[in-house]
Structures are given as C-alpha cells and as structure tokens.
C-alpha cells in the first residue's frame, strides 16, 4: 500500500500508431491519431505495465514499484494509474516504449495480440486524485 503523502496519480492516454499509414497515404506529419473505443480492458493495461516493470527492473524493482490502474475509459482512451512519486521516471521510461513492445503477456483482447503498435502519453499527474480528474475523467464508483 502506498502512503498518502507519497501517492501519485497519473492520467495517461493511449493512441494507435498510424506512422506507416501516414507515410504511405498522405503528407501529414502527425505520428498518431486517437482511436475511439479501444477493445482493451483495465486488466490488459495493468498486465502490460506489470510485465514491463518486471522485465526492465527485475523482481526487486517490481516489489518497490507500486502500480495500479484505477480506471480505464475506452471512449476517451485514457486511464489513471496510482503509484508513488519515486516511480515516475521509471514509469515514464515504460510509457515511452511502443505498446506492445514484444511483451510476453497474452492479452484478453485479440487486437493487442496482433502486430498493431500503440503509444502511451502522460497527460498530467498530481498527488490529488480529485485535482487530476477535475475535467478529464469521471470515476465509476459502482
């Protein structure tokens, strides 16, 4: 469990990488576009990050890296992560990789088991969950 004074909430968006399509079919310089309604669930996101934490930082790094996906909104393609302040830089390294970057996890969604590439982007982070979700996210309390 994370102590209250060390908690960090991070709002992250997920994008589908259209890089190869843009170079092929248009002159756009955009690297990614948002897809609506990802066929991904909260457990897929959590499994991906936890597997990458173990692969990149080992079992001792995993033990010292509290990580929980609080909620995933597949319409806005955003989710909230709860971790601690000390793990922000490590998490940023994982987020900067493309998803799934040869992850050995079988996801519940067939779309993630394909060769499609996804990208994450940290939108904002805060020590207060209510400040983080003010306009961007509505938590499902049911």
N, C-alpha and C. Protein backbone atom coordinates (compact mmCIF):
# COMPACT_ATOMS: atom_id res chain seq x y z
N UNK A 1 0.84 -1.18 0.00
CA UNK A 1 0.00 0.00 0.00
C UNK A 1 0.89 1.25 0.00
N UNK A 2 0.42 2.26 -0.67
CA UNK A 2 1.17 3.50 -0.82
C UNK A 2 0.73 4.47 0.26
N UNK A 3 1.71 5.09 0.93
CA UNK A 3 1.35 6.07 1.95
C UNK A 3 0.71 7.29 1.29
N UNK A 4 -0.16 7.96 2.03
CA UNK A 4 -0.92 9.09 1.48
C UNK A 4 -0.03 10.22 0.98
N UNK A 5 1.08 10.49 1.68
CA UNK A 5 1.92 11.62 1.28
C UNK A 5 2.84 11.28 0.11
N UNK A 6 2.90 10.03 -0.30
CA UNK A 6 3.77 9.63 -1.41
C UNK A 6 2.99 9.17 -2.64
N UNK A 7 1.67 9.24 -2.58
CA UNK A 7 0.84 8.80 -3.71
C UNK A 7 0.96 9.75 -4.90
N UNK A 8 0.91 9.15 -6.06
CA UNK A 8 0.93 9.93 -7.29
C UNK A 8 -0.08 9.32 -8.24
N UNK A 9 -0.94 10.16 -8.79
CA UNK A 9 -1.95 9.73 -9.76
C UNK A 9 -1.56 10.29 -11.11
N UNK A 10 -1.59 9.44 -12.12
CA UNK A 10 -1.13 9.83 -13.45
C UNK A 10 -2.24 9.55 -14.46
N UNK A 11 -2.58 10.57 -15.23
CA UNK A 11 -3.57 10.43 -16.30
C UNK A 11 -2.82 10.15 -17.60
N UNK A 12 -3.12 9.02 -18.22
CA UNK A 12 -2.39 8.57 -19.40
C UNK A 12 -3.39 8.33 -20.54
N UNK A 13 -2.99 8.72 -21.74
CA UNK A 13 -3.82 8.42 -22.92
C UNK A 13 -3.12 7.34 -23.74
N UNK A 14 -3.91 6.62 -24.51
CA UNK A 14 -3.38 5.58 -25.38
C UNK A 14 -3.78 5.92 -26.81
N UNK A 15 -2.83 5.77 -27.72
CA UNK A 15 -3.03 6.09 -29.14
C UNK A 15 -2.63 4.91 -29.98
N UNK A 16 -3.23 4.78 -31.14
CA UNK A 16 -2.80 3.81 -32.14
C UNK A 16 -1.81 4.51 -33.05
N UNK A 17 -0.70 3.90 -33.31
CA UNK A 17 0.33 4.50 -34.15
C UNK A 17 -0.01 4.28 -35.62
N UNK A 18 -0.23 5.39 -36.31
CA UNK A 18 -0.53 5.33 -37.74
C UNK A 18 0.68 5.75 -38.58
N UNK A 19 1.86 5.73 -38.02
CA UNK A 19 3.04 6.27 -38.70
C UNK A 19 3.20 5.68 -40.10
N UNK A 20 3.14 4.36 -40.22
CA UNK A 20 3.35 3.74 -41.52
C UNK A 20 2.23 4.10 -42.50
N UNK A 21 1.01 4.30 -42.02
CA UNK A 21 -0.09 4.67 -42.91
C UNK A 21 0.04 6.09 -43.41
N UNK A 22 0.49 7.00 -42.54
CA UNK A 22 0.61 8.40 -42.95
C UNK A 22 1.70 8.56 -44.00
N UNK A 23 2.81 7.87 -43.83
CA UNK A 23 3.89 8.00 -44.81
C UNK A 23 3.46 7.41 -46.16
N UNK A 24 2.58 6.45 -46.11
CA UNK A 24 2.17 5.77 -47.32
C UNK A 24 1.04 6.50 -48.06
N UNK A 25 0.07 7.06 -47.31
CA UNK A 25 -1.13 7.57 -47.94
C UNK A 25 -1.32 9.08 -47.86
N UNK A 26 -0.52 9.79 -47.08
CA UNK A 26 -0.73 11.23 -47.01
C UNK A 26 0.58 11.93 -46.67
N UNK A 27 0.54 13.23 -46.71
CA UNK A 27 1.71 14.03 -46.39
C UNK A 27 1.66 14.57 -44.96
N UNK A 28 0.77 14.05 -44.16
CA UNK A 28 0.60 14.53 -42.79
C UNK A 28 1.85 14.24 -41.97
N UNK A 29 2.20 15.15 -41.07
CA UNK A 29 3.36 14.95 -40.20
C UNK A 29 2.94 14.38 -38.85
N UNK A 30 1.66 14.13 -38.67
CA UNK A 30 1.19 13.56 -37.41
C UNK A 30 1.75 12.14 -37.27
N UNK A 31 2.12 11.78 -36.06
CA UNK A 31 2.62 10.44 -35.83
C UNK A 31 1.55 9.50 -35.33
N UNK A 32 0.51 10.03 -34.71
CA UNK A 32 -0.51 9.15 -34.17
C UNK A 32 -1.85 9.86 -34.13
N UNK A 33 -2.86 9.07 -34.15
CA UNK A 33 -4.23 9.57 -34.04
C UNK A 33 -4.92 8.74 -32.98
N UNK A 34 -5.89 9.34 -32.35
CA UNK A 34 -6.63 8.63 -31.31
C UNK A 34 -7.68 7.73 -31.95
N UNK A 35 -7.75 6.51 -31.48
CA UNK A 35 -8.83 5.61 -31.88
C UNK A 35 -9.94 5.71 -30.85
N UNK A 36 -11.15 5.62 -31.27
CA UNK A 36 -12.25 5.59 -30.34
C UNK A 36 -12.58 4.16 -29.99
N UNK A 37 -12.98 3.95 -28.77
CA UNK A 37 -13.45 2.64 -28.29
C UNK A 37 -12.43 1.53 -28.49
N UNK A 38 -11.30 1.62 -27.81
CA UNK A 38 -10.31 0.54 -27.83
C UNK A 38 -10.96 -0.72 -27.30
N UNK A 39 -10.54 -1.82 -27.83
CA UNK A 39 -11.05 -3.10 -27.39
C UNK A 39 -10.09 -3.67 -26.34
N UNK A 40 -9.74 -2.85 -25.37
CA UNK A 40 -8.78 -3.17 -24.32
C UNK A 40 -9.50 -2.99 -22.99
N UNK A 41 -9.16 -3.80 -22.02
CA UNK A 41 -9.75 -3.56 -20.70
C UNK A 41 -8.66 -3.21 -19.69
N UNK A 42 -9.10 -2.88 -18.51
CA UNK A 42 -8.21 -2.41 -17.44
C UNK A 42 -7.16 -3.46 -17.09
N UNK A 43 -7.54 -4.72 -17.09
CA UNK A 43 -6.58 -5.77 -16.72
C UNK A 43 -5.47 -5.93 -17.77
N UNK A 44 -5.78 -5.66 -19.05
CA UNK A 44 -4.75 -5.70 -20.09
C UNK A 44 -3.69 -4.64 -19.85
N UNK A 45 -4.13 -3.44 -19.55
CA UNK A 45 -3.20 -2.33 -19.30
C UNK A 45 -2.34 -2.64 -18.08
N UNK A 46 -2.97 -3.11 -17.01
CA UNK A 46 -2.22 -3.42 -15.79
C UNK A 46 -1.23 -4.56 -16.02
N UNK A 47 -1.64 -5.59 -16.74
CA UNK A 47 -0.73 -6.72 -17.03
C UNK A 47 0.46 -6.27 -17.86
N UNK A 48 0.22 -5.42 -18.85
CA UNK A 48 1.30 -4.92 -19.69
C UNK A 48 2.34 -4.17 -18.86
N UNK A 49 1.87 -3.24 -18.03
CA UNK A 49 2.81 -2.44 -17.24
C UNK A 49 3.54 -3.28 -16.21
N UNK A 50 2.83 -4.18 -15.53
CA UNK A 50 3.49 -5.01 -14.52
C UNK A 50 4.52 -5.94 -15.16
N UNK A 51 4.22 -6.48 -16.34
CA UNK A 51 5.19 -7.33 -17.04
C UNK A 51 6.42 -6.52 -17.42
N UNK A 52 6.22 -5.30 -17.88
CA UNK A 52 7.36 -4.45 -18.25
C UNK A 52 8.16 -4.01 -17.04
N UNK A 53 7.51 -3.80 -15.91
CA UNK A 53 8.24 -3.46 -14.69
C UNK A 53 9.17 -4.60 -14.31
N UNK A 54 8.66 -5.83 -14.35
CA UNK A 54 9.49 -6.99 -14.01
C UNK A 54 10.63 -7.16 -15.02
N UNK A 55 10.32 -7.04 -16.31
CA UNK A 55 11.35 -7.22 -17.34
C UNK A 55 12.44 -6.17 -17.28
N UNK A 56 12.08 -4.93 -16.99
CA UNK A 56 13.06 -3.85 -17.01
C UNK A 56 13.76 -3.64 -15.67
N UNK A 57 13.09 -3.93 -14.57
CA UNK A 57 13.66 -3.60 -13.26
C UNK A 57 13.84 -4.81 -12.35
N UNK A 58 13.47 -6.00 -12.81
CA UNK A 58 13.65 -7.21 -12.03
C UNK A 58 12.64 -7.33 -10.91
N UNK A 59 12.75 -8.42 -10.18
CA UNK A 59 11.78 -8.69 -9.11
C UNK A 59 11.90 -7.68 -7.98
N UNK A 60 13.13 -7.25 -7.66
CA UNK A 60 13.29 -6.25 -6.60
C UNK A 60 12.73 -4.90 -7.04
N UNK A 61 12.90 -4.57 -8.30
CA UNK A 61 12.31 -3.35 -8.82
C UNK A 61 10.80 -3.41 -8.83
N UNK A 62 10.26 -4.61 -9.10
CA UNK A 62 8.81 -4.80 -9.10
C UNK A 62 8.22 -4.63 -7.71
N UNK A 63 8.91 -5.19 -6.72
CA UNK A 63 8.44 -5.09 -5.33
C UNK A 63 8.42 -3.64 -4.88
N UNK A 64 9.38 -2.85 -5.31
CA UNK A 64 9.44 -1.44 -4.91
C UNK A 64 8.71 -0.50 -5.84
N UNK A 65 7.85 -1.04 -6.71
CA UNK A 65 7.16 -0.23 -7.71
C UNK A 65 5.65 -0.47 -7.60
N UNK A 66 5.00 0.20 -6.66
CA UNK A 66 3.55 0.01 -6.55
C UNK A 66 2.86 0.55 -7.81
N UNK A 67 1.94 -0.22 -8.34
CA UNK A 67 1.29 0.16 -9.59
C UNK A 67 -0.13 -0.38 -9.61
N UNK A 68 -1.07 0.49 -9.91
CA UNK A 68 -2.47 0.06 -10.01
C UNK A 68 -3.18 0.95 -11.03
N UNK A 69 -3.92 0.33 -11.93
CA UNK A 69 -4.78 1.08 -12.85
C UNK A 69 -6.11 1.26 -12.14
N UNK A 70 -6.45 2.51 -11.84
CA UNK A 70 -7.68 2.78 -11.11
C UNK A 70 -8.91 2.66 -12.00
N UNK A 71 -8.82 3.20 -13.20
CA UNK A 71 -9.95 3.13 -14.12
C UNK A 71 -9.49 3.39 -15.54
N UNK A 72 -10.16 2.73 -16.47
CA UNK A 72 -9.87 2.89 -17.88
C UNK A 72 -11.14 3.32 -18.60
N UNK A 73 -11.05 4.40 -19.36
CA UNK A 73 -12.18 4.90 -20.15
C UNK A 73 -11.88 4.62 -21.61
N UNK A 74 -12.53 3.60 -22.19
CA UNK A 74 -12.21 3.23 -23.57
C UNK A 74 -12.90 4.10 -24.60
N UNK A 75 -13.71 5.06 -24.17
CA UNK A 75 -14.29 6.02 -25.11
C UNK A 75 -13.33 7.19 -25.31
N UNK A 76 -12.78 7.70 -24.20
CA UNK A 76 -11.80 8.79 -24.27
C UNK A 76 -10.38 8.27 -24.43
N UNK A 77 -10.19 6.95 -24.30
CA UNK A 77 -8.87 6.33 -24.42
C UNK A 77 -7.88 6.86 -23.39
N UNK A 78 -8.35 7.01 -22.17
CA UNK A 78 -7.48 7.47 -21.08
C UNK A 78 -7.66 6.56 -19.87
N UNK A 79 -6.64 6.53 -19.03
CA UNK A 79 -6.73 5.76 -17.79
C UNK A 79 -5.90 6.44 -16.72
N UNK A 80 -6.21 6.09 -15.47
CA UNK A 80 -5.50 6.66 -14.32
C UNK A 80 -4.69 5.56 -13.65
N UNK A 81 -3.43 5.88 -13.39
CA UNK A 81 -2.51 4.99 -12.70
C UNK A 81 -2.26 5.55 -11.31
N UNK A 82 -2.22 4.67 -10.31
CA UNK A 82 -1.80 5.06 -8.97
C UNK A 82 -0.45 4.42 -8.71
N UNK A 83 0.51 5.22 -8.33
CA UNK A 83 1.84 4.73 -8.00
C UNK A 83 2.41 5.66 -6.93
N UNK A 84 3.73 5.67 -6.75
CA UNK A 84 4.30 6.63 -5.82
C UNK A 84 5.24 7.59 -6.56
N UNK A 85 5.59 8.67 -5.89
CA UNK A 85 6.41 9.72 -6.50
C UNK A 85 7.76 9.21 -6.99
N UNK A 86 8.33 8.25 -6.30
CA UNK A 86 9.66 7.75 -6.65
C UNK A 86 9.68 6.97 -7.96
N UNK A 87 8.53 6.52 -8.42
CA UNK A 87 8.47 5.66 -9.61
C UNK A 87 8.11 6.40 -10.89
N UNK A 88 7.95 7.70 -10.82
CA UNK A 88 7.51 8.45 -12.00
C UNK A 88 8.50 8.33 -13.16
N UNK A 89 9.79 8.46 -12.90
CA UNK A 89 10.76 8.37 -14.00
C UNK A 89 10.82 6.97 -14.60
N UNK A 90 10.71 5.95 -13.77
CA UNK A 90 10.70 4.57 -14.28
C UNK A 90 9.46 4.33 -15.13
N UNK A 91 8.33 4.84 -14.65
CA UNK A 91 7.09 4.69 -15.40
C UNK A 91 7.15 5.44 -16.73
N UNK A 92 7.79 6.58 -16.72
CA UNK A 92 7.92 7.36 -17.95
C UNK A 92 8.73 6.59 -18.99
N UNK A 93 9.74 5.85 -18.57
CA UNK A 93 10.53 5.03 -19.50
C UNK A 93 9.69 3.93 -20.13
N UNK A 94 8.82 3.32 -19.33
CA UNK A 94 7.95 2.27 -19.85
C UNK A 94 6.93 2.86 -20.82
N UNK A 95 6.38 4.01 -20.48
CA UNK A 95 5.37 4.66 -21.32
C UNK A 95 5.96 5.11 -22.65
N UNK A 96 7.22 5.47 -22.67
CA UNK A 96 7.83 5.95 -23.91
C UNK A 96 8.03 4.84 -24.94
N UNK A 97 7.99 3.59 -24.51
CA UNK A 97 8.07 2.46 -25.45
C UNK A 97 6.76 2.31 -26.19
N UNK A 98 6.81 1.66 -27.35
CA UNK A 98 5.57 1.36 -28.06
C UNK A 98 4.93 0.13 -27.44
N UNK A 99 3.65 0.02 -27.60
CA UNK A 99 2.86 -0.99 -26.93
C UNK A 99 2.15 -1.85 -27.96
N UNK A 100 2.18 -3.15 -27.93
CA UNK A 100 3.01 -3.99 -27.07
C UNK A 100 4.39 -4.19 -27.68
N UNK A 101 5.39 -3.84 -26.95
CA UNK A 101 6.78 -3.92 -27.41
C UNK A 101 7.34 -5.30 -27.07
N UNK A 102 6.95 -6.29 -27.83
CA UNK A 102 7.35 -7.67 -27.62
C UNK A 102 7.10 -8.12 -26.19
N UNK A 103 5.93 -7.79 -25.70
CA UNK A 103 5.55 -8.16 -24.34
C UNK A 103 5.10 -9.62 -24.33
N UNK A 104 5.58 -10.42 -23.38
CA UNK A 104 5.24 -11.84 -23.36
C UNK A 104 3.86 -12.13 -22.75
N UNK A 105 3.02 -11.13 -22.62
CA UNK A 105 1.71 -11.30 -21.99
C UNK A 105 0.66 -11.56 -23.06
N UNK A 106 -0.18 -12.58 -22.86
CA UNK A 106 -1.33 -12.79 -23.73
C UNK A 106 -2.47 -11.95 -23.20
N UNK A 107 -2.93 -11.02 -24.01
CA UNK A 107 -3.99 -10.12 -23.59
C UNK A 107 -5.35 -10.74 -23.86
N UNK A 108 -6.35 -10.28 -23.12
CA UNK A 108 -7.70 -10.79 -23.32
C UNK A 108 -8.30 -10.29 -24.62
N UNK A 109 -7.71 -9.25 -25.17
CA UNK A 109 -8.20 -8.66 -26.42
C UNK A 109 -7.34 -9.13 -27.58
N UNK A 110 -7.96 -9.62 -28.63
CA UNK A 110 -7.20 -10.05 -29.81
C UNK A 110 -6.49 -8.90 -30.49
N UNK A 111 -7.02 -7.70 -30.36
CA UNK A 111 -6.40 -6.54 -31.00
C UNK A 111 -4.99 -6.29 -30.45
N UNK A 112 -4.76 -6.63 -29.18
CA UNK A 112 -3.44 -6.42 -28.59
C UNK A 112 -2.47 -7.54 -28.92
N UNK A 113 -2.96 -8.68 -29.33
CA UNK A 113 -2.09 -9.79 -29.69
C UNK A 113 -1.65 -9.70 -31.15
N UNK A 114 -2.11 -8.69 -31.86
CA UNK A 114 -1.72 -8.51 -33.26
C UNK A 114 -0.43 -7.69 -33.32
N UNK A 115 -0.03 -7.34 -34.53
CA UNK A 115 1.20 -6.58 -34.73
C UNK A 115 0.97 -5.08 -34.66
N UNK A 116 -0.24 -4.65 -34.31
CA UNK A 116 -0.54 -3.22 -34.21
C UNK A 116 0.32 -2.59 -33.12
N UNK A 117 0.68 -1.34 -33.31
CA UNK A 117 1.50 -0.64 -32.33
C UNK A 117 0.69 0.48 -31.69
N UNK A 118 0.78 0.56 -30.39
CA UNK A 118 0.09 1.58 -29.62
C UNK A 118 1.11 2.42 -28.90
N UNK A 119 0.74 3.64 -28.58
CA UNK A 119 1.62 4.53 -27.83
C UNK A 119 0.86 5.10 -26.65
N UNK A 120 1.59 5.35 -25.59
CA UNK A 120 1.04 5.99 -24.41
C UNK A 120 1.58 7.40 -24.31
N UNK A 121 0.83 8.26 -23.65
CA UNK A 121 1.29 9.62 -23.41
C UNK A 121 0.78 10.07 -22.04
N UNK A 122 1.69 10.56 -21.20
CA UNK A 122 1.28 11.10 -19.91
C UNK A 122 0.67 12.47 -20.15
N UNK A 123 -0.59 12.63 -19.77
CA UNK A 123 -1.27 13.90 -19.94
C UNK A 123 -1.00 14.84 -18.77
N UNK A 124 -1.12 14.31 -17.56
CA UNK A 124 -0.80 15.09 -16.37
C UNK A 124 -0.72 14.16 -15.17
N UNK A 125 -0.14 14.67 -14.10
CA UNK A 125 -0.05 13.90 -12.86
C UNK A 125 -0.21 14.84 -11.69
N UNK A 126 -0.66 14.28 -10.56
CA UNK A 126 -0.92 15.08 -9.38
C UNK A 126 -0.94 14.18 -8.17
N UNK A 127 -0.67 14.74 -7.01
CA UNK A 127 -0.77 13.99 -5.76
C UNK A 127 -2.20 13.84 -5.29
N UNK A 128 -3.11 14.62 -5.87
CA UNK A 128 -4.51 14.59 -5.51
C UNK A 128 -5.33 14.02 -6.66
N UNK A 129 -6.06 12.95 -6.39
CA UNK A 129 -6.88 12.34 -7.42
C UNK A 129 -7.98 13.28 -7.89
N UNK A 130 -8.59 14.00 -6.97
CA UNK A 130 -9.68 14.92 -7.35
C UNK A 130 -9.18 16.05 -8.24
N UNK A 131 -7.98 16.54 -8.00
CA UNK A 131 -7.42 17.59 -8.86
C UNK A 131 -7.09 17.05 -10.25
N UNK A 132 -6.65 15.81 -10.29
CA UNK A 132 -6.28 15.21 -11.57
C UNK A 132 -7.48 15.01 -12.48
N UNK A 133 -8.59 14.56 -11.91
CA UNK A 133 -9.74 14.19 -12.74
C UNK A 133 -10.75 15.31 -12.90
N UNK A 134 -10.42 16.50 -12.47
CA UNK A 134 -11.38 17.60 -12.43
C UNK A 134 -12.23 17.69 -13.69
N UNK A 135 -11.65 17.84 -14.86
CA UNK A 135 -12.43 17.97 -16.09
C UNK A 135 -12.23 16.81 -17.07
N UNK A 136 -11.24 15.99 -16.83
CA UNK A 136 -10.86 15.00 -17.83
C UNK A 136 -11.51 13.63 -17.67
N UNK A 137 -11.94 13.31 -16.48
CA UNK A 137 -12.28 11.92 -16.22
C UNK A 137 -13.34 11.85 -15.15
N UNK A 138 -14.26 10.94 -15.27
CA UNK A 138 -15.27 10.71 -14.25
C UNK A 138 -15.09 9.29 -13.75
N UNK A 139 -14.80 9.15 -12.46
CA UNK A 139 -14.59 7.82 -11.90
C UNK A 139 -15.91 7.09 -11.76
N UNK A 140 -15.91 5.83 -12.11
CA UNK A 140 -17.08 4.99 -11.93
C UNK A 140 -17.02 4.42 -10.52
N UNK A 141 -17.93 4.83 -9.67
CA UNK A 141 -17.89 4.41 -8.27
C UNK A 141 -18.73 3.17 -8.01
N UNK A 142 -19.35 2.63 -9.02
CA UNK A 142 -20.19 1.44 -8.81
C UNK A 142 -19.37 0.18 -8.84
